[in-house]
Amino acid sequence: MPARPPDPAHHPYVPLHHPYGARFHARVGTAALRRELLRGASGRVIEIGAGNGPDFAHYPRTVSEVVVVEPERGPRRLAAAAALRAEVPVDLVPGAAEALPVKSEAFDVAVASLALCSVRDLPRALAELYRVLRPGAELRFLEHGLAPGPGTAAVQRALDRTVWPRLFGGCHTARDPLASIEAAGFRIVAQRAFRVPVRGPALPDSYRVIGTARRSPD
């Protein structure tokens, strides 16, 4: 069972300002990956941490509405322009993933695209995504995380304790998105791990995973 949903009254939305990190993450996901992430999505969608809106162009017309919760003012302004170009309705809302300002069981799909690495409280954010999804609904994720080798993983943890979050908008390289998603009560139904770049030296955020998880049908 998932953790108890957070109480927004005890986790107020605090505006963030990490322009460098936001610009960096807007570039690291390719169009092909975003199309793979969103293929077949339908109904009402909630997306967290959308940055300047690079996903919006890839939502299929089967989606009736996208509600985007983005905490940073600068990216929200850029995302507003991207929303006007989207083929589906996009509603931008200020707020934090740990206290989503929406009703429970209101969405058919949730999207986390390079967002779980930088939320302040990962279990709370995933509990909130679980709360707002209808029973049996999907969580689509495209994230980076912990390296499979102990040496690189140790480097990632050291970076997370020191400079990396400060440089890249609160990003953490050593989180384990699959384990965290399962711990929140979701069942992972598809996942594909890969590395960016495929060849050459690995970076601290080179280890990626894309996939789908489901909320229990209750």
C-alpha atoms as a PDB file:
ATOM      1  CA  MET A   1       0.000   0.000   0.000  1.00  0.00           C
ATOM      2  CA  PRO A   2       1.224   3.546  -0.702  1.00  0.00           C
ATOM      3  CA  ALA A   3       2.214   5.942   2.012  1.00  0.00           C
ATOM      4  CA  ARG A   4      -0.472   8.215   3.392  1.00  0.00           C
ATOM      5  CA  PRO A   5      -0.948  11.219   1.065  1.00  0.00           C
ATOM      6  CA  PRO A   6       0.711  14.390   2.314  1.00  0.00           C
ATOM      7  CA  ASP A   7      -1.335  17.142   3.853  1.00  0.00           C
ATOM      8  CA  PRO A   8      -0.839  20.301   1.744  1.00  0.00           C
ATOM      9  CA  ALA A   9      -1.400  22.421   4.829  1.00  0.00           C
ATOM     10  CA  HIS A  10       1.837  21.020   6.255  1.00  0.00           C
ATOM     11  CA  HIS A  11       3.794  21.136   3.018  1.00  0.00           C
ATOM     12  CA  PRO A  12       3.090  24.577   1.544  1.00  0.00           C
ATOM     13  CA  TYR A  13       4.093  25.465  -1.986  1.00  0.00           C
ATOM     14  CA  VAL A  14       7.292  27.502  -2.000  1.00  0.00           C
ATOM     15  CA  PRO A  15       8.281  29.081  -5.335  1.00  0.00           C
ATOM     16  CA  LEU A  16      11.654  27.943  -6.622  1.00  0.00           C
ATOM     17  CA  HIS A  17      14.204  29.624  -8.811  1.00  0.00           C
ATOM     18  CA  HIS A  18      16.781  27.383 -10.481  1.00  0.00           C
ATOM     19  CA  PRO A  19      17.119  28.799 -14.007  1.00  0.00           C
ATOM     20  CA  TYR A  20      20.352  27.031 -14.896  1.00  0.00           C
ATOM     21  CA  GLY A  21      19.099  23.636 -13.805  1.00  0.00           C
ATOM     22  CA  ALA A  22      15.810  24.131 -15.624  1.00  0.00           C
ATOM     23  CA  ARG A  23      17.564  25.055 -18.877  1.00  0.00           C
ATOM     24  CA  PHE A  24      19.908  22.081 -18.551  1.00  0.00           C
ATOM     25  CA  HIS A  25      17.144  19.526 -18.089  1.00  0.00           C
ATOM     26  CA  ALA A  26      15.122  20.955 -20.931  1.00  0.00           C
ATOM     27  CA  ARG A  27      17.881  19.803 -23.288  1.00  0.00           C
ATOM     28  CA  VAL A  28      18.643  16.311 -22.020  1.00  0.00           C
ATOM     29  CA  GLY A  29      15.523  14.498 -23.261  1.00  0.00           C
ATOM     30  CA  THR A  30      15.218  13.882 -26.990  1.00  0.00           C
ATOM     31  CA  ALA A  31      12.034  14.213 -29.015  1.00  0.00           C
ATOM     32  CA  ALA A  32      12.085  10.467 -29.739  1.00  0.00           C
ATOM     33  CA  LEU A  33      12.155   9.642 -26.040  1.00  0.00           C
ATOM     34  CA  ARG A  34       9.348  12.067 -25.298  1.00  0.00           C
ATOM     35  CA  ARG A  35       7.215  10.529 -28.048  1.00  0.00           C
ATOM     36  CA  GLU A  36       7.912   7.072 -26.602  1.00  0.00           C
ATOM     37  CA  LEU A  37       6.990   8.296 -23.136  1.00  0.00           C
ATOM     38  CA  LEU A  38       3.643   9.747 -24.184  1.00  0.00           C
ATOM     39  CA  ARG A  39       2.570   7.321 -26.927  1.00  0.00           C
ATOM     40  CA  GLY A  40      -0.951   6.042 -26.319  1.00  0.00           C
ATOM     41  CA  ALA A  41      -1.747   8.421 -23.454  1.00  0.00           C
ATOM     42  CA  SER A  42      -5.408   9.424 -23.259  1.00  0.00           C
ATOM     43  CA  GLY A  43      -7.905  11.252 -21.074  1.00  0.00           C
ATOM     44  CA  ARG A  44      -6.875  13.754 -18.395  1.00  0.00           C
ATOM     45  CA  VAL A  45      -3.149  14.008 -17.711  1.00  0.00           C
ATOM     46  CA  ILE A  46      -1.186  15.634 -14.907  1.00  0.00           C
ATOM     47  CA  GLU A  47       2.501  16.408 -15.469  1.00  0.00           C
ATOM     48  CA  ILE A  48       4.900  17.518 -12.750  1.00  0.00           C
ATOM     49  CA  GLY A  49       7.984  19.660 -13.255  1.00  0.00           C
ATOM     50  CA  ALA A  50       7.459  20.240 -16.964  1.00  0.00           C
ATOM     51  CA  GLY A  51      10.102  22.975 -17.184  1.00  0.00           C
ATOM     52  CA  ASN A  52       9.666  25.004 -20.355  1.00  0.00           C
ATOM     53  CA  GLY A  53       7.230  22.502 -21.832  1.00  0.00           C
ATOM     54  CA  PRO A  54       9.269  20.231 -24.146  1.00  0.00           C
ATOM     55  CA  ASP A  55       6.714  17.414 -23.720  1.00  0.00           C
ATOM     56  CA  PHE A  56       3.715  19.431 -24.858  1.00  0.00           C
ATOM     57  CA  ALA A  57       4.317  18.957 -28.593  1.00  0.00           C
ATOM     58  CA  HIS A  58       4.293  15.169 -28.175  1.00  0.00           C
ATOM     59  CA  TYR A  59       0.957  14.653 -26.428  1.00  0.00           C
ATOM     60  CA  PRO A  60      -1.392  12.716 -28.741  1.00  0.00           C
ATOM     61  CA  ARG A  61      -4.829  14.075 -29.560  1.00  0.00           C
ATOM     62  CA  THR A  62      -6.394  11.309 -27.476  1.00  0.00           C
ATOM     63  CA  VAL A  63      -5.450  13.431 -24.441  1.00  0.00           C
ATOM     64  CA  SER A  64      -8.346  15.687 -23.438  1.00  0.00           C
ATOM     65  CA  GLU A  65      -6.393  17.974 -21.057  1.00  0.00           C
ATOM     66  CA  VAL A  66      -2.937  18.333 -19.525  1.00  0.00           C
ATOM     67  CA  VAL A  67      -2.644  19.959 -16.111  1.00  0.00           C
ATOM     68  CA  VAL A  68       0.969  20.978 -15.527  1.00  0.00           C
ATOM     69  CA  VAL A  69       2.243  21.669 -12.007  1.00  0.00           C
ATOM     70  CA  GLU A  70       5.519  23.602 -12.280  1.00  0.00           C
ATOM     71  CA  PRO A  71       7.132  25.320  -9.259  1.00  0.00           C
ATOM     72  CA  GLU A  72       9.530  27.673 -11.098  1.00  0.00           C
ATOM     73  CA  ARG A  73       8.326  31.029 -12.411  1.00  0.00           C
ATOM     74  CA  GLY A  74      10.796  31.349 -15.292  1.00  0.00           C
ATOM     75  CA  PRO A  75      10.096  27.960 -16.894  1.00  0.00           C
ATOM     76  CA  ARG A  76       6.354  28.499 -16.400  1.00  0.00           C
ATOM     77  CA  ARG A  77       6.550  31.638 -18.542  1.00  0.00           C
ATOM     78  CA  LEU A  78       8.352  29.711 -21.279  1.00  0.00           C
ATOM     79  CA  ALA A  79       5.946  26.798 -20.927  1.00  0.00           C
ATOM     80  CA  ALA A  80       3.006  29.149 -21.501  1.00  0.00           C
ATOM     81  CA  ALA A  81       4.317  29.798 -25.020  1.00  0.00           C
ATOM     82  CA  ALA A  82       4.793  26.076 -25.635  1.00  0.00           C
ATOM     83  CA  ALA A  83       1.256  25.441 -24.386  1.00  0.00           C
ATOM     84  CA  LEU A  84      -0.153  27.749 -27.060  1.00  0.00           C
ATOM     85  CA  ARG A  85       1.511  25.622 -29.738  1.00  0.00           C
ATOM     86  CA  ALA A  86       0.309  22.285 -28.342  1.00  0.00           C
ATOM     87  CA  GLU A  87      -2.433  20.309 -30.070  1.00  0.00           C
ATOM     88  CA  VAL A  88      -4.104  19.536 -26.734  1.00  0.00           C
ATOM     89  CA  PRO A  89      -5.321  21.895 -23.980  1.00  0.00           C
ATOM     90  CA  VAL A  90      -2.571  22.637 -21.448  1.00  0.00           C
ATOM     91  CA  ASP A  91      -3.312  24.325 -18.111  1.00  0.00           C
ATOM     92  CA  LEU A  92      -0.285  25.619 -16.172  1.00  0.00           C
ATOM     93  CA  VAL A  93      -0.575  25.670 -12.385  1.00  0.00           C
ATOM     94  CA  PRO A  94       2.014  26.867  -9.827  1.00  0.00           C
ATOM     95  CA  GLY A  95       2.651  24.328  -7.138  1.00  0.00           C
ATOM     96  CA  ALA A  96       4.868  21.604  -5.746  1.00  0.00           C
ATOM     97  CA  ALA A  97       4.790  17.900  -6.538  1.00  0.00           C
ATOM     98  CA  GLU A  98       4.678  17.175  -2.795  1.00  0.00           C
ATOM     99  CA  ALA A  99       1.303  18.943  -2.439  1.00  0.00           C
ATOM    100  CA  LEU A 100      -0.505  18.847  -5.783  1.00  0.00           C
ATOM    101  CA  PRO A 101      -3.314  21.442  -5.886  1.00  0.00           C
ATOM    102  CA  VAL A 102      -5.823  19.062  -7.518  1.00  0.00           C
ATOM    103  CA  LYS A 103      -8.539  16.633  -6.460  1.00  0.00           C
ATOM    104  CA  SER A 104      -7.939  12.990  -5.663  1.00  0.00           C
ATOM    105  CA  GLU A 105      -8.550  10.323  -8.324  1.00  0.00           C
ATOM    106  CA  ALA A 106      -9.044  12.946 -11.031  1.00  0.00           C
ATOM    107  CA  PHE A 107      -6.536  11.854 -13.691  1.00  0.00           C
ATOM    108  CA  ASP A 108      -6.044   8.987 -16.131  1.00  0.00           C
ATOM    109  CA  VAL A 109      -2.290   9.478 -16.600  1.00  0.00           C
ATOM    110  CA  ALA A 110       0.510  11.117 -14.627  1.00  0.00           C
ATOM    111  CA  VAL A 111       3.792  12.105 -16.269  1.00  0.00           C
ATOM    112  CA  ALA A 112       7.168  12.556 -14.567  1.00  0.00           C
ATOM    113  CA  SER A 113       9.776  13.515 -17.148  1.00  0.00           C
ATOM    114  CA  LEU A 114      13.195  14.227 -15.580  1.00  0.00           C
ATOM    115  CA  ALA A 115      11.361  15.540 -12.530  1.00  0.00           C
ATOM    116  CA  LEU A 116      11.694  12.936  -9.773  1.00  0.00           C
ATOM    117  CA  CYS A 117      15.417  13.663  -9.482  1.00  0.00           C
ATOM    118  CA  SER A 118      14.776  17.183  -8.229  1.00  0.00           C
ATOM    119  CA  VAL A 119      11.656  17.043  -6.060  1.00  0.00           C
ATOM    120  CA  ARG A 120      12.481  17.902  -2.458  1.00  0.00           C
ATOM    121  CA  ASP A 121      10.682  14.898  -0.961  1.00  0.00           C
ATOM    122  CA  LEU A 122      10.454  11.963  -3.377  1.00  0.00           C
ATOM    123  CA  PRO A 123       8.180   9.664  -1.313  1.00  0.00           C
ATOM    124  CA  ARG A 124       5.707  12.514  -0.734  1.00  0.00           C
ATOM    125  CA  ALA A 125       5.697  13.465  -4.406  1.00  0.00           C
ATOM    126  CA  LEU A 126       4.995   9.883  -5.475  1.00  0.00           C
ATOM    127  CA  ALA A 127       2.296   9.545  -2.810  1.00  0.00           C
ATOM    128  CA  GLU A 128       0.653  12.623  -4.271  1.00  0.00           C
ATOM    129  CA  LEU A 129       0.799  11.215  -7.807  1.00  0.00           C
ATOM    130  CA  TYR A 130      -0.781   8.019  -6.480  1.00  0.00           C
ATOM    131  CA  ARG A 131      -3.512  10.063  -4.792  1.00  0.00           C
ATOM    132  CA  VAL A 132      -4.523  12.061  -7.856  1.00  0.00           C
ATOM    133  CA  LEU A 133      -4.651   9.090 -10.249  1.00  0.00           C
ATOM    134  CA  ARG A 134      -7.805   7.058 -10.714  1.00  0.00           C
ATOM    135  CA  PRO A 135      -7.604   3.383  -9.693  1.00  0.00           C
ATOM    136  CA  GLY A 136      -5.769   1.461 -12.396  1.00  0.00           C
ATOM    137  CA  ALA A 137      -4.413   4.647 -14.003  1.00  0.00           C
ATOM    138  CA  GLU A 138      -0.889   5.066 -15.361  1.00  0.00           C
ATOM    139  CA  LEU A 139       2.277   6.806 -14.255  1.00  0.00           C
ATOM    140  CA  ARG A 140       4.573   7.442 -17.239  1.00  0.00           C
ATOM    141  CA  PHE A 141       8.183   8.150 -16.250  1.00  0.00           C
ATOM    142  CA  LEU A 142      11.427   9.139 -17.947  1.00  0.00           C
ATOM    143  CA  GLU A 143      14.115   9.581 -15.312  1.00  0.00           C
ATOM    144  CA  HIS A 144      17.782   9.223 -14.542  1.00  0.00           C
ATOM    145  CA  GLY A 145      19.132   7.530 -11.449  1.00  0.00           C
ATOM    146  CA  LEU A 146      21.567   5.299  -9.661  1.00  0.00           C
ATOM    147  CA  ALA A 147      24.326   3.695 -11.741  1.00  0.00           C
ATOM    148  CA  PRO A 148      24.526  -0.119 -11.762  1.00  0.00           C
ATOM    149  CA  GLY A 149      28.206  -0.191 -10.791  1.00  0.00           C
ATOM    150  CA  PRO A 150      29.291   0.480  -7.178  1.00  0.00           C
ATOM    151  CA  GLY A 151      32.142   2.806  -8.180  1.00  0.00           C
ATOM    152  CA  THR A 152      30.001   5.196 -10.231  1.00  0.00           C
ATOM    153  CA  ALA A 153      27.200   4.979  -7.668  1.00  0.00           C
ATOM    154  CA  ALA A 154      29.632   6.080  -4.953  1.00  0.00           C
ATOM    155  CA  VAL A 155      30.637   9.073  -7.079  1.00  0.00           C
ATOM    156  CA  GLN A 156      26.963   9.938  -7.608  1.00  0.00           C
ATOM    157  CA  ARG A 157      26.264   9.860  -3.872  1.00  0.00           C
ATOM    158  CA  ALA A 158      29.258  12.069  -3.187  1.00  0.00           C
ATOM    159  CA  LEU A 159      28.094  14.581  -5.794  1.00  0.00           C
ATOM    160  CA  ASP A 160      24.581  14.578  -4.345  1.00  0.00           C
ATOM    161  CA  ARG A 161      25.987  15.512  -0.933  1.00  0.00           C
ATOM    162  CA  THR A 162      28.019  18.389  -2.368  1.00  0.00           C
ATOM    163  CA  VAL A 163      27.889  20.348  -5.621  1.00  0.00           C
ATOM    164  CA  TRP A 164      25.461  18.642  -7.999  1.00  0.00           C
ATOM    165  CA  PRO A 165      22.125  19.783  -6.501  1.00  0.00           C
ATOM    166  CA  ARG A 166      23.430  23.345  -6.193  1.00  0.00           C
ATOM    167  CA  LEU A 167      24.520  23.464  -9.823  1.00  0.00           C
ATOM    168  CA  PHE A 168      21.527  21.720 -11.378  1.00  0.00           C
ATOM    169  CA  GLY A 169      18.396  22.998  -9.701  1.00  0.00           C
ATOM    170  CA  GLY A 170      18.134  20.504  -6.849  1.00  0.00           C
ATOM    171  CA  CYS A 171      18.829  17.504  -9.090  1.00  0.00           C
ATOM    172  CA  HIS A 172      20.093  14.290  -7.441  1.00  0.00           C
ATOM    173  CA  THR A 173      21.960  11.664  -9.443  1.00  0.00           C
ATOM    174  CA  ALA A 174      21.810   8.705  -7.036  1.00  0.00           C
ATOM    175  CA  ARG A 175      18.060   8.301  -6.573  1.00  0.00           C
ATOM    176  CA  ASP A 176      16.500   4.970  -7.581  1.00  0.00           C
ATOM    177  CA  PRO A 177      13.290   5.852  -9.439  1.00  0.00           C
ATOM    178  CA  LEU A 178      12.093   2.267  -9.971  1.00  0.00           C
ATOM    179  CA  ALA A 179      12.449   1.303  -6.309  1.00  0.00           C
ATOM    180  CA  SER A 180      10.819   4.549  -5.196  1.00  0.00           C
ATOM    181  CA  ILE A 181       7.878   4.133  -7.575  1.00  0.00           C
ATOM    182  CA  GLU A 182       7.258   0.596  -6.326  1.00  0.00           C
ATOM    183  CA  ALA A 183       7.578   1.698  -2.691  1.00  0.00           C
ATOM    184  CA  ALA A 184       4.812   4.250  -3.326  1.00  0.00           C
ATOM    185  CA  GLY A 185       2.406   1.416  -4.222  1.00  0.00           C
ATOM    186  CA  PHE A 186       2.647   1.476  -8.007  1.00  0.00           C
ATOM    187  CA  ARG A 187       3.152  -1.692 -10.060  1.00  0.00           C
ATOM    188  CA  ILE A 188       5.712  -1.261 -12.826  1.00  0.00           C
ATOM    189  CA  VAL A 189       4.346  -2.817 -16.024  1.00  0.00           C
ATOM    190  CA  ALA A 190       7.040  -1.741 -18.508  1.00  0.00           C
ATOM    191  CA  GLN A 191      10.530  -0.293 -18.213  1.00  0.00           C
ATOM    192  CA  ARG A 192      13.610   0.111 -20.372  1.00  0.00           C
ATOM    193  CA  ALA A 193      17.001   1.122 -19.012  1.00  0.00           C
ATOM    194  CA  PHE A 194      19.551   2.857 -21.229  1.00  0.00           C
ATOM    195  CA  ARG A 195      22.569   5.126 -21.074  1.00  0.00           C
ATOM    196  CA  VAL A 196      23.157   8.608 -22.472  1.00  0.00           C
ATOM    197  CA  PRO A 197      25.476   8.816 -24.311  1.00  0.00           C
ATOM    198  CA  VAL A 198      25.431   5.219 -25.506  1.00  0.00           C
ATOM    199  CA  ARG A 199      29.204   5.258 -26.129  1.00  0.00           C
ATOM    200  CA  GLY A 200      32.041   7.110 -24.495  1.00  0.00           C
ATOM    201  CA  PRO A 201      32.499   8.259 -20.903  1.00  0.00           C
ATOM    202  CA  ALA A 202      29.444   8.160 -18.667  1.00  0.00           C
ATOM    203  CA  LEU A 203      28.232  11.261 -16.851  1.00  0.00           C
ATOM    204  CA  PRO A 204      26.720  11.228 -13.357  1.00  0.00           C
ATOM    205  CA  ASP A 205      23.227  11.469 -14.890  1.00  0.00           C
ATOM    206  CA  SER A 206      23.845   9.090 -17.822  1.00  0.00           C
ATOM    207  CA  TYR A 207      21.806   6.196 -16.424  1.00  0.00           C
ATOM    208  CA  ARG A 208      18.197   6.517 -17.582  1.00  0.00           C
ATOM    209  CA  VAL A 209      14.979   4.552 -17.407  1.00  0.00           C
ATOM    210  CA  ILE A 210      11.701   4.993 -19.261  1.00  0.00           C
ATOM    211  CA  GLY A 211       8.534   3.118 -18.472  1.00  0.00           C
ATOM    212  CA  THR A 212       4.992   2.828 -17.185  1.00  0.00           C
ATOM    213  CA  ALA A 213       3.593   1.974 -13.768  1.00  0.00           C
ATOM    214  CA  ARG A 214      -0.005   1.538 -12.629  1.00  0.00           C
ATOM    215  CA  ARG A 215      -1.898   2.506  -9.542  1.00  0.00           C
ATOM    216  CA  SER A 216      -3.647  -0.496  -8.008  1.00  0.00           C
ATOM    217  CA  PRO A 217      -7.220  -0.972  -9.248  1.00  0.00           C
ATOM    218  CA  ASP A 218      -8.494  -0.878  -5.614  1.00  0.00           C
END
